[in-house]
C-alpha atoms as a PDB file:
ATOM      1  CA  MET A   1      84.262  68.707 123.189  1.00  0.00           C
ATOM      2  CA  SER A   2      84.261  65.359 121.373  1.00  0.00           C
ATOM      3  CA  THR A   3      83.707  62.073 123.128  1.00  0.00           C
ATOM      4  CA  THR A   4      85.546  58.927 122.084  1.00  0.00           C
ATOM      5  CA  LEU A   5      83.560  55.723 122.414  1.00  0.00           C
ATOM      6  CA  LEU A   6      85.652  52.884 123.774  1.00  0.00           C
ATOM      7  CA  PRO A   7      84.800  49.224 123.165  1.00  0.00           C
ATOM      8  CA  ALA A   8      83.010  47.497 125.995  1.00  0.00           C
ATOM      9  CA  PRO A   9      85.336  45.547 128.280  1.00  0.00           C
ATOM     10  CA  VAL A  10      85.480  41.814 127.690  1.00  0.00           C
ATOM     11  CA  SER A  11      84.892  39.691 130.769  1.00  0.00           C
ATOM     12  CA  LEU A  12      87.134  36.770 131.693  1.00  0.00           C
ATOM     13  CA  ASP A  13      84.334  34.280 130.984  1.00  0.00           C
ATOM     14  CA  GLN A  14      83.793  35.774 127.507  1.00  0.00           C
ATOM     15  CA  ALA A  15      87.507  35.561 126.770  1.00  0.00           C
ATOM     16  CA  ARG A  16      87.592  31.916 127.835  1.00  0.00           C
ATOM     17  CA  ALA A  17      84.564  31.134 125.683  1.00  0.00           C
ATOM     18  CA  THR A  18      86.331  32.375 122.532  1.00  0.00           C
ATOM     19  CA  THR A  19      89.893  31.266 123.312  1.00  0.00           C
ATOM     20  CA  GLU A  20      90.838  27.616 123.375  1.00  0.00           C
ATOM     21  CA  SER A  21      94.160  25.859 123.669  1.00  0.00           C
ATOM     22  CA  ILE A  22      96.109  25.363 120.464  1.00  0.00           C
ATOM     23  CA  TRP A  23      95.642  21.584 120.421  1.00  0.00           C
ATOM     24  CA  ILE A  24      91.857  21.945 120.563  1.00  0.00           C
ATOM     25  CA  ARG A  25      91.879  24.416 117.678  1.00  0.00           C
ATOM     26  CA  ARG A  26      94.176  22.208 115.603  1.00  0.00           C
ATOM     27  CA  SER A  27      92.062  19.143 116.361  1.00  0.00           C
ATOM     28  CA  LEU A  28      88.878  20.896 115.240  1.00  0.00           C
ATOM     29  CA  ILE A  29      90.542  22.176 112.072  1.00  0.00           C
ATOM     30  CA  GLY A  30      91.980  18.742 111.344  1.00  0.00           C
ATOM     31  CA  LEU A  31      88.596  17.100 111.904  1.00  0.00           C
ATOM     32  CA  ALA A  32      86.905  19.562 109.549  1.00  0.00           C
ATOM     33  CA  LEU A  33      89.566  19.038 106.870  1.00  0.00           C
ATOM     34  CA  ALA A  34      89.372  15.256 107.222  1.00  0.00           C
ATOM     35  CA  PHE A  35      85.590  15.355 106.870  1.00  0.00           C
ATOM     36  CA  LEU A  36      85.771  17.583 103.769  1.00  0.00           C
ATOM     37  CA  THR A  37      88.487  15.421 102.232  1.00  0.00           C
ATOM     38  CA  LEU A  38      86.578  12.187 102.782  1.00  0.00           C
ATOM     39  CA  PHE A  39      83.109  13.341 101.752  1.00  0.00           C
ATOM     40  CA  LEU A  40      83.821  16.178  99.284  1.00  0.00           C
ATOM     41  CA  PHE A  41      87.310  16.365  97.791  1.00  0.00           C
ATOM     42  CA  ILE A  42      87.913  12.643  97.166  1.00  0.00           C
ATOM     43  CA  PRO A  43      84.503  12.037  95.502  1.00  0.00           C
ATOM     44  CA  LEU A  44      84.918  15.180  93.385  1.00  0.00           C
ATOM     45  CA  ILE A  45      88.401  14.182  92.241  1.00  0.00           C
ATOM     46  CA  SER A  46      87.239  10.625  91.540  1.00  0.00           C
ATOM     47  CA  VAL A  47      84.497  11.920  89.222  1.00  0.00           C
ATOM     48  CA  PHE A  48      87.024  13.694  87.000  1.00  0.00           C
ATOM     49  CA  TYR A  49      89.506  10.811  87.261  1.00  0.00           C
ATOM     50  CA  GLU A  50      86.943   8.239  86.115  1.00  0.00           C
ATOM     51  CA  ALA A  51      85.681  10.600  83.403  1.00  0.00           C
ATOM     52  CA  LEU A  52      89.154  11.024  81.893  1.00  0.00           C
ATOM     53  CA  LYS A  53      90.582   7.582  82.675  1.00  0.00           C
ATOM     54  CA  LYS A  54      90.019   6.285  79.128  1.00  0.00           C
ATOM     55  CA  GLY A  55      91.297   9.418  77.452  1.00  0.00           C
ATOM     56  CA  TRP A  56      89.994  12.622  75.968  1.00  0.00           C
ATOM     57  CA  ASP A  57      88.537  10.892  72.910  1.00  0.00           C
ATOM     58  CA  VAL A  58      86.153   8.820  75.023  1.00  0.00           C
ATOM     59  CA  TYR A  59      85.315  11.858  77.160  1.00  0.00           C
ATOM     60  CA  ILE A  60      84.510  14.093  74.184  1.00  0.00           C
ATOM     61  CA  ALA A  61      82.510  11.325  72.526  1.00  0.00           C
ATOM     62  CA  ALA A  62      80.417  10.871  75.676  1.00  0.00           C
ATOM     63  CA  ILE A  63      79.496  14.533  76.112  1.00  0.00           C
ATOM     64  CA  THR A  64      78.863  15.084  72.386  1.00  0.00           C
ATOM     65  CA  ASP A  65      76.663  12.019  71.993  1.00  0.00           C
ATOM     66  CA  PRO A  66      73.217  13.013  70.584  1.00  0.00           C
ATOM     67  CA  ASP A  67      71.471  11.753  73.730  1.00  0.00           C
ATOM     68  CA  ALA A  68      73.862  13.755  75.916  1.00  0.00           C
ATOM     69  CA  ILE A  69      73.327  16.873  73.805  1.00  0.00           C
ATOM     70  CA  SER A  70      69.555  16.399  74.118  1.00  0.00           C
ATOM     71  CA  ALA A  71      69.897  16.033  77.900  1.00  0.00           C
ATOM     72  CA  ILE A  72      71.997  19.200  78.094  1.00  0.00           C
ATOM     73  CA  GLN A  73      69.484  21.142  76.012  1.00  0.00           C
ATOM     74  CA  LEU A  74      66.545  19.945  78.101  1.00  0.00           C
ATOM     75  CA  THR A  75      68.351  20.778  81.347  1.00  0.00           C
ATOM     76  CA  LEU A  76      69.136  24.280  80.122  1.00  0.00           C
ATOM     77  CA  THR A  77      65.577  24.735  78.865  1.00  0.00           C
ATOM     78  CA  ALA A  78      64.033  23.712  82.189  1.00  0.00           C
ATOM     79  CA  ALA A  79      66.373  26.031  84.090  1.00  0.00           C
ATOM     80  CA  ALA A  80      65.806  28.893  81.626  1.00  0.00           C
ATOM     81  CA  ILE A  81      62.063  28.699  82.285  1.00  0.00           C
ATOM     82  CA  ALA A  82      62.060  27.882  86.003  1.00  0.00           C
ATOM     83  CA  VAL A  83      64.616  30.445  87.190  1.00  0.00           C
ATOM     84  CA  PRO A  84      62.993  33.602  85.698  1.00  0.00           C
ATOM     85  CA  LEU A  85      59.564  32.513  86.951  1.00  0.00           C
ATOM     86  CA  ASN A  86      61.002  31.971  90.421  1.00  0.00           C
ATOM     87  CA  VAL A  87      62.667  35.398  90.243  1.00  0.00           C
ATOM     88  CA  ILE A  88      59.290  37.003  89.610  1.00  0.00           C
ATOM     89  CA  PHE A  89      57.572  34.991  92.336  1.00  0.00           C
ATOM     90  CA  GLY A  90      60.432  35.383  94.812  1.00  0.00           C
ATOM     91  CA  LEU A  91      60.571  39.148  94.421  1.00  0.00           C
ATOM     92  CA  ALA A  92      56.797  39.519  94.698  1.00  0.00           C
ATOM     93  CA  ALA A  93      56.506  37.209  97.710  1.00  0.00           C
ATOM     94  CA  ALA A  94      59.479  38.718  99.534  1.00  0.00           C
ATOM     95  CA  TRP A  95      58.262  42.272  98.913  1.00  0.00           C
ATOM     96  CA  ALA A  96      54.777  41.444 100.154  1.00  0.00           C
ATOM     97  CA  ILE A  97      55.972  39.553 103.236  1.00  0.00           C
ATOM     98  CA  ALA A  98      58.718  41.978 104.259  1.00  0.00           C
ATOM     99  CA  LYS A  99      57.040  45.292 103.478  1.00  0.00           C
ATOM    100  CA  PHE A 100      53.335  44.761 104.200  1.00  0.00           C
ATOM    101  CA  GLU A 101      51.051  43.302 106.855  1.00  0.00           C
ATOM    102  CA  PHE A 102      48.147  41.183 105.621  1.00  0.00           C
ATOM    103  CA  ARG A 103      46.062  38.187 106.581  1.00  0.00           C
ATOM    104  CA  GLY A 104      47.569  34.856 105.676  1.00  0.00           C
ATOM    105  CA  LYS A 105      51.197  36.007 105.769  1.00  0.00           C
ATOM    106  CA  SER A 106      52.234  33.039 107.911  1.00  0.00           C
ATOM    107  CA  VAL A 107      50.383  30.691 105.546  1.00  0.00           C
ATOM    108  CA  LEU A 108      52.252  32.143 102.567  1.00  0.00           C
ATOM    109  CA  ILE A 109      55.599  31.688 104.337  1.00  0.00           C
ATOM    110  CA  THR A 110      54.684  28.081 105.126  1.00  0.00           C
ATOM    111  CA  LEU A 111      53.748  27.395 101.513  1.00  0.00           C
ATOM    112  CA  ILE A 112      57.050  28.846 100.322  1.00  0.00           C
ATOM    113  CA  ASP A 113      58.900  26.460 102.638  1.00  0.00           C
ATOM    114  CA  LEU A 114      56.797  23.460 101.557  1.00  0.00           C
ATOM    115  CA  PRO A 115      59.257  22.154  98.907  1.00  0.00           C
ATOM    116  CA  PHE A 116      61.940  21.971 101.613  1.00  0.00           C
ATOM    117  CA  SER A 117      59.816  19.619 103.717  1.00  0.00           C
ATOM    118  CA  VAL A 118      58.327  17.483 100.943  1.00  0.00           C
ATOM    119  CA  SER A 119      60.406  14.824  99.220  1.00  0.00           C
ATOM    120  CA  PRO A 120      61.028  15.675  95.545  1.00  0.00           C
ATOM    121  CA  VAL A 121      59.751  12.217  94.622  1.00  0.00           C
ATOM    122  CA  VAL A 122      56.476  12.963  96.395  1.00  0.00           C
ATOM    123  CA  SER A 123      56.142  16.263  94.546  1.00  0.00           C
ATOM    124  CA  GLY A 124      56.643  14.426  91.268  1.00  0.00           C
ATOM    125  CA  LEU A 125      53.945  11.917  92.214  1.00  0.00           C
ATOM    126  CA  ILE A 126      51.579  14.808  92.993  1.00  0.00           C
ATOM    127  CA  TYR A 127      51.972  16.063  89.431  1.00  0.00           C
ATOM    128  CA  VAL A 128      51.344  12.559  88.108  1.00  0.00           C
ATOM    129  CA  LEU A 129      48.183  12.396  90.226  1.00  0.00           C
ATOM    130  CA  ILE A 130      46.991  15.708  88.785  1.00  0.00           C
ATOM    131  CA  PHE A 131      48.132  15.561  85.161  1.00  0.00           C
ATOM    132  CA  GLY A 132      48.739  11.843  84.545  1.00  0.00           C
ATOM    133  CA  LEU A 133      46.575   9.774  82.228  1.00  0.00           C
ATOM    134  CA  GLN A 134      44.664   8.398  85.229  1.00  0.00           C
ATOM    135  CA  GLY A 135      44.890  11.667  87.169  1.00  0.00           C
ATOM    136  CA  TRP A 136      42.338  14.347  87.881  1.00  0.00           C
ATOM    137  CA  LEU A 137      42.955  16.268  84.659  1.00  0.00           C
ATOM    138  CA  GLY A 138      44.384  13.373  82.656  1.00  0.00           C
ATOM    139  CA  PRO A 139      41.287  12.484  80.588  1.00  0.00           C
ATOM    140  CA  TRP A 140      40.651  16.130  79.639  1.00  0.00           C
ATOM    141  CA  LEU A 141      44.309  16.641  78.670  1.00  0.00           C
ATOM    142  CA  ALA A 142      44.306  13.444  76.582  1.00  0.00           C
ATOM    143  CA  GLU A 143      41.098  14.505  74.862  1.00  0.00           C
ATOM    144  CA  HIS A 144      42.687  17.821  73.848  1.00  0.00           C
ATOM    145  CA  ASP A 145      46.056  16.190  72.968  1.00  0.00           C
ATOM    146  CA  VAL A 146      47.962  18.072  75.674  1.00  0.00           C
ATOM    147  CA  LYS A 147      50.945  16.226  77.166  1.00  0.00           C
ATOM    148  CA  ILE A 148      52.350  17.321  80.514  1.00  0.00           C
ATOM    149  CA  ILE A 149      53.524  14.147  82.225  1.00  0.00           C
ATOM    150  CA  PHE A 150      56.337  12.347  80.378  1.00  0.00           C
ATOM    151  CA  ALA A 151      56.928  15.549  78.420  1.00  0.00           C
ATOM    152  CA  VAL A 152      58.837  18.823  78.780  1.00  0.00           C
ATOM    153  CA  PRO A 153      56.004  20.728  80.564  1.00  0.00           C
ATOM    154  CA  GLY A 154      55.981  18.192  83.398  1.00  0.00           C
ATOM    155  CA  ILE A 155      59.746  18.490  83.810  1.00  0.00           C
ATOM    156  CA  VAL A 156      59.476  22.281  83.931  1.00  0.00           C
ATOM    157  CA  LEU A 157      56.644  22.160  86.495  1.00  0.00           C
ATOM    158  CA  ALA A 158      58.591  19.752  88.719  1.00  0.00           C
ATOM    159  CA  THR A 159      61.697  21.940  88.460  1.00  0.00           C
ATOM    160  CA  ILE A 160      59.754  25.060  89.378  1.00  0.00           C
ATOM    161  CA  PHE A 161      58.240  23.344  92.425  1.00  0.00           C
ATOM    162  CA  VAL A 162      61.532  22.202  93.951  1.00  0.00           C
ATOM    163  CA  THR A 163      63.235  25.571  93.326  1.00  0.00           C
ATOM    164  CA  VAL A 164      60.446  27.880  94.575  1.00  0.00           C
ATOM    165  CA  PRO A 165      61.953  28.659  98.032  1.00  0.00           C
ATOM    166  CA  PHE A 166      65.489  29.637  97.040  1.00  0.00           C
ATOM    167  CA  ILE A 167      65.022  33.214  95.847  1.00  0.00           C
ATOM    168  CA  ALA A 168      62.137  34.120  98.146  1.00  0.00           C
ATOM    169  CA  ARG A 169      63.900  32.726 101.208  1.00  0.00           C
ATOM    170  CA  GLU A 170      67.073  34.647 100.348  1.00  0.00           C
ATOM    171  CA  LEU A 171      65.231  37.954  99.930  1.00  0.00           C
ATOM    172  CA  ILE A 172      62.707  37.861 102.800  1.00  0.00           C
ATOM    173  CA  PRO A 173      65.169  38.288 105.717  1.00  0.00           C
ATOM    174  CA  LEU A 174      67.212  40.787 103.692  1.00  0.00           C
ATOM    175  CA  MET A 175      64.184  42.990 102.996  1.00  0.00           C
ATOM    176  CA  GLN A 176      62.974  42.651 106.586  1.00  0.00           C
ATOM    177  CA  ALA A 177      66.373  43.797 107.899  1.00  0.00           C
ATOM    178  CA  GLN A 178      66.328  46.843 105.616  1.00  0.00           C
ATOM    179  CA  GLY A 179      62.926  47.967 106.889  1.00  0.00           C
ATOM    180  CA  THR A 180      60.537  50.283 105.072  1.00  0.00           C
ATOM    181  CA  GLU A 181      62.003  53.723 105.784  1.00  0.00           C
ATOM    182  CA  GLU A 182      63.495  54.246 102.323  1.00  0.00           C
ATOM    183  CA  GLU A 183      60.308  53.113 100.582  1.00  0.00           C
ATOM    184  CA  GLU A 184      58.205  55.420 102.762  1.00  0.00           C
ATOM    185  CA  ALA A 185      60.516  58.328 101.969  1.00  0.00           C
ATOM    186  CA  ALA A 186      60.219  57.607  98.241  1.00  0.00           C
ATOM    187  CA  VAL A 187      56.414  57.585  98.487  1.00  0.00           C
ATOM    188  CA  VAL A 188      56.449  60.884 100.382  1.00  0.00           C
ATOM    189  CA  LEU A 189      58.571  62.372  97.580  1.00  0.00           C
ATOM    190  CA  GLY A 190      55.930  61.351  95.026  1.00  0.00           C
ATOM    191  CA  ALA A 191      57.130  57.973  93.716  1.00  0.00           C
ATOM    192  CA  ASN A 192      54.503  55.390  92.821  1.00  0.00           C
ATOM    193  CA  GLY A 193      54.707  51.698  93.670  1.00  0.00           C
ATOM    194  CA  TRP A 194      56.669  50.596  90.603  1.00  0.00           C
ATOM    195  CA  GLN A 195      59.095  53.499  90.861  1.00  0.00           C
ATOM    196  CA  THR A 196      59.699  52.733  94.512  1.00  0.00           C
ATOM    197  CA  PHE A 197      60.321  49.078  93.747  1.00  0.00           C
ATOM    198  CA  LEU A 198      62.617  49.662  90.742  1.00  0.00           C
ATOM    199  CA  HIS A 199      64.669  52.549  92.150  1.00  0.00           C
ATOM    200  CA  VAL A 200      64.724  51.818  95.893  1.00  0.00           C
ATOM    201  CA  THR A 201      63.870  48.236  96.811  1.00  0.00           C
ATOM    202  CA  LEU A 202      65.486  46.364  93.916  1.00  0.00           C
ATOM    203  CA  PRO A 203      68.913  48.093  94.073  1.00  0.00           C
ATOM    204  CA  ASN A 204      69.091  47.351  97.807  1.00  0.00           C
ATOM    205  CA  VAL A 205      68.603  43.610  97.304  1.00  0.00           C
ATOM    206  CA  LYS A 206      70.407  43.059  93.986  1.00  0.00           C
ATOM    207  CA  TRP A 207      73.256  41.010  95.471  1.00  0.00           C
ATOM    208  CA  GLY A 208      70.897  38.889  97.546  1.00  0.00           C
ATOM    209  CA  LEU A 209      68.764  38.374  94.450  1.00  0.00           C
ATOM    210  CA  LEU A 210      71.774  37.281  92.403  1.00  0.00           C
ATOM    211  CA  TYR A 211      72.804  34.906  95.199  1.00  0.00           C
ATOM    212  CA  GLY A 212      69.339  33.340  95.183  1.00  0.00           C
ATOM    213  CA  VAL A 213      69.373  33.053  91.377  1.00  0.00           C
ATOM    214  CA  ILE A 214      72.696  31.186  91.479  1.00  0.00           C
ATOM    215  CA  LEU A 215      71.406  28.672  94.023  1.00  0.00           C
ATOM    216  CA  CYS A 216      68.084  28.323  92.211  1.00  0.00           C
ATOM    217  CA  ASN A 217      69.823  27.647  88.893  1.00  0.00           C
ATOM    218  CA  ALA A 218      72.151  25.066  90.426  1.00  0.00           C
ATOM    219  CA  ARG A 219      69.224  23.196  91.991  1.00  0.00           C
ATOM    220  CA  ALA A 220      67.210  23.397  88.759  1.00  0.00           C
ATOM    221  CA  MET A 221      69.999  21.819  86.719  1.00  0.00           C
ATOM    222  CA  GLY A 222      70.830  19.178  89.314  1.00  0.00           C
ATOM    223  CA  GLU A 223      67.307  18.079  90.310  1.00  0.00           C
ATOM    224  CA  PHE A 224      66.775  14.329  90.062  1.00  0.00           C
ATOM    225  CA  GLY A 225      63.901  12.996  92.189  1.00  0.00           C
ATOM    226  CA  ALA A 226      60.909  15.031  91.024  1.00  0.00           C
ATOM    227  CA  VAL A 227      62.084  15.137  87.405  1.00  0.00           C
ATOM    228  CA  SER A 228      62.683  11.380  87.406  1.00  0.00           C
ATOM    229  CA  VAL A 229      59.048  10.704  88.312  1.00  0.00           C
ATOM    230  CA  VAL A 230      57.491  12.941  85.649  1.00  0.00           C
ATOM    231  CA  SER A 231      59.983  12.445  82.807  1.00  0.00           C
ATOM    232  CA  GLY A 232      59.291   8.872  81.740  1.00  0.00           C
ATOM    233  CA  HIS A 233      63.038   8.430  81.034  1.00  0.00           C
ATOM    234  CA  ILE A 234      62.561   8.740  77.277  1.00  0.00           C
ATOM    235  CA  ARG A 235      66.051   8.772  75.873  1.00  0.00           C
ATOM    236  CA  GLY A 236      66.810  11.752  73.684  1.00  0.00           C
ATOM    237  CA  SER A 237      63.527  13.380  74.634  1.00  0.00           C
ATOM    238  CA  THR A 238      62.772  13.716  78.354  1.00  0.00           C
ATOM    239  CA  ASN A 239      66.103  12.917  80.009  1.00  0.00           C
ATOM    240  CA  THR A 240      67.898  15.714  81.832  1.00  0.00           C
ATOM    241  CA  LEU A 241      71.596  15.462  82.677  1.00  0.00           C
ATOM    242  CA  PRO A 242      71.129  13.710  86.060  1.00  0.00           C
ATOM    243  CA  LEU A 243      68.743  11.183  84.482  1.00  0.00           C
ATOM    244  CA  HIS A 244      71.130  10.585  81.590  1.00  0.00           C
ATOM    245  CA  VAL A 245      73.926   9.852  84.071  1.00  0.00           C
ATOM    246  CA  GLU A 246      71.712   7.285  85.810  1.00  0.00           C
ATOM    247  CA  ILE A 247      70.860   5.522  82.549  1.00  0.00           C
ATOM    248  CA  LEU A 248      74.492   5.343  81.448  1.00  0.00           C
ATOM    249  CA  TYR A 249      75.574   4.021  84.846  1.00  0.00           C
ATOM    250  CA  ASN A 250      72.836   1.366  84.896  1.00  0.00           C
ATOM    251  CA  GLU A 251      74.030   0.252  81.463  1.00  0.00           C
ATOM    252  CA  TYR A 252      77.568  -0.179  82.894  1.00  0.00           C
ATOM    253  CA  ASN A 253      78.851   2.564  80.595  1.00  0.00           C
ATOM    254  CA  PHE A 254      80.874   3.997  83.435  1.00  0.00           C
ATOM    255  CA  ALA A 255      83.230   6.180  81.392  1.00  0.00           C
ATOM    256  CA  ALA A 256      80.340   7.981  79.689  1.00  0.00           C
ATOM    257  CA  ALA A 257      78.399   8.225  82.952  1.00  0.00           C
ATOM    258  CA  PHE A 258      81.291   9.901  84.756  1.00  0.00           C
ATOM    259  CA  ALA A 259      82.002  12.120  81.743  1.00  0.00           C
ATOM    260  CA  VAL A 260      78.460  13.497  81.815  1.00  0.00           C
ATOM    261  CA  ALA A 261      78.567  13.659  85.623  1.00  0.00           C
ATOM    262  CA  SER A 262      81.694  15.796  85.356  1.00  0.00           C
ATOM    263  CA  LEU A 263      79.588  18.465  83.620  1.00  0.00           C
ATOM    264  CA  LEU A 264      77.381  18.625  86.709  1.00  0.00           C
ATOM    265  CA  ALA A 265      80.493  18.709  88.900  1.00  0.00           C
ATOM    266  CA  LEU A 266      81.824  21.635  86.866  1.00  0.00           C
ATOM    267  CA  LEU A 267      78.464  23.355  87.321  1.00  0.00           C
ATOM    268  CA  ALA A 268      78.830  22.890  91.085  1.00  0.00           C
ATOM    269  CA  LEU A 269      82.327  24.410  91.047  1.00  0.00           C
ATOM    270  CA  VAL A 270      81.193  27.366  88.955  1.00  0.00           C
ATOM    271  CA  THR A 271      78.243  27.838  91.310  1.00  0.00           C
ATOM    272  CA  LEU A 272      80.598  27.816  94.298  1.00  0.00           C
ATOM    273  CA  ALA A 273      82.863  30.411  92.675  1.00  0.00           C
ATOM    274  CA  LEU A 274      79.924  32.670  91.806  1.00  0.00           C
ATOM    275  CA  LYS A 275      78.470  32.222  95.289  1.00  0.00           C
ATOM    276  CA  THR A 276      81.770  33.266  96.870  1.00  0.00           C
ATOM    277  CA  PHE A 277      82.026  36.297  94.580  1.00  0.00           C
ATOM    278  CA  VAL A 278      78.459  37.422  95.301  1.00  0.00           C
ATOM    279  CA  GLU A 279      78.935  36.980  99.058  1.00  0.00           C
ATOM    280  CA  SER A 280      82.100  39.106  98.982  1.00  0.00           C
ATOM    281  CA  ARG A 281      80.387  41.804  96.930  1.00  0.00           C
ATOM    282  CA  GLY A 282      77.421  41.754  99.294  1.00  0.00           C
ATOM    283  CA  ARG A 283      79.671  42.174 102.337  1.00  0.00           C
ATOM    284  CA  HIS A 284      81.532  44.986 100.579  1.00  0.00           C
ATOM    285  CA  GLN A 285      78.264  46.773  99.857  1.00  0.00           C
ATOM    286  CA  GLU A 286      77.154  46.374 103.490  1.00  0.00           C
ATOM    287  CA  ASN A 287      80.432  47.887 104.688  1.00  0.00           C
ATOM    288  CA  MET A 288      80.049  50.773 102.257  1.00  0.00           C
ATOM    289  CA  ASN A 289      76.496  51.414 103.482  1.00  0.00           C
ATOM    290  CA  GLU A 290      77.651  51.389 107.120  1.00  0.00           C
ATOM    291  CA  HIS A 291      80.310  54.007 106.405  1.00  0.00           C
END
C-alpha cells in the first residue's frame, strides 16, 4: 500500500507573516522601483545620453582614439591574465576547503576574504611599498631593470589581488553543500585524484564556476582604486578604461569621457545578462538533479 505525503499544515501566524495587505505590497514594490530608478536606471541612461549627445561621429572618434584603444587592450590583457589565474586558485582553494580537513583552514578562508575588507587603494599602496623604487624590493628590481610599479605587471598584480575572492567564494559553499559522497565513490571505484576532480567534482560545479568567472571578469575590467595607485597614469601605456575615463573627465572632455564610460556600462549589462542566464541554468540543473 502506498502512502501519500501531504504538505505540513501552515499555522495562522505563518500565514500572516507571509501575507500582507495589498497597499503594503504595492508600497514596497513602488519604493524598490523608485530606488532602482533614481540610483540605477537614470544614471545608466544618462551615461549613454551624454555619450551620444554630440553624435555618432564624436562617439566613434572617442572610442577609436589611440589612447582609448591602448586602454581597452590593457584592460583586456589584465583581465585575460587575472581571471585564469583566479580560476586555478579558486578551484584549488575551494576543493581543499570543502573536501578536506587540515590545519589552517580558517586562516586560508580569512585570507581569501581579505580583499573584501581591505580598500583597493590600500592594496595598491602595499604593492608600491613592496615593488616601488623606494620599496623593499625596489633597489634590486631597478638594478636588474625589472619594472613592476607603473608598468603592466603592477596592474596585473593589483587586478589579481582585488579579484581573488570571487571564484573561490562562489565555489566553497557549493562544494560544501554537495558533500564528498560522489568523490568517495569514485575513489572506491579506482579513480585517482585528477580523475575524480575532472569527472566528478568539476562537472558538479561548472555553473557556479562560470558564475564566479563572470563576476571576476567584470571586477577585473572595472577596477579603479588599486590599479590607479600602481599604474602611474601614463597615457597610452598604463591607463586602463576606468583610468582613461577619469583623465578625459578631468580634462573637461565630457563627450569622450562618457563615450568610453559607455563601454564599461555595456560590459555591466552584458555581465548582468550572462549572470541571469547562468543562474537560470544552475537552477535548472538543481531541479534536474532533485528529480
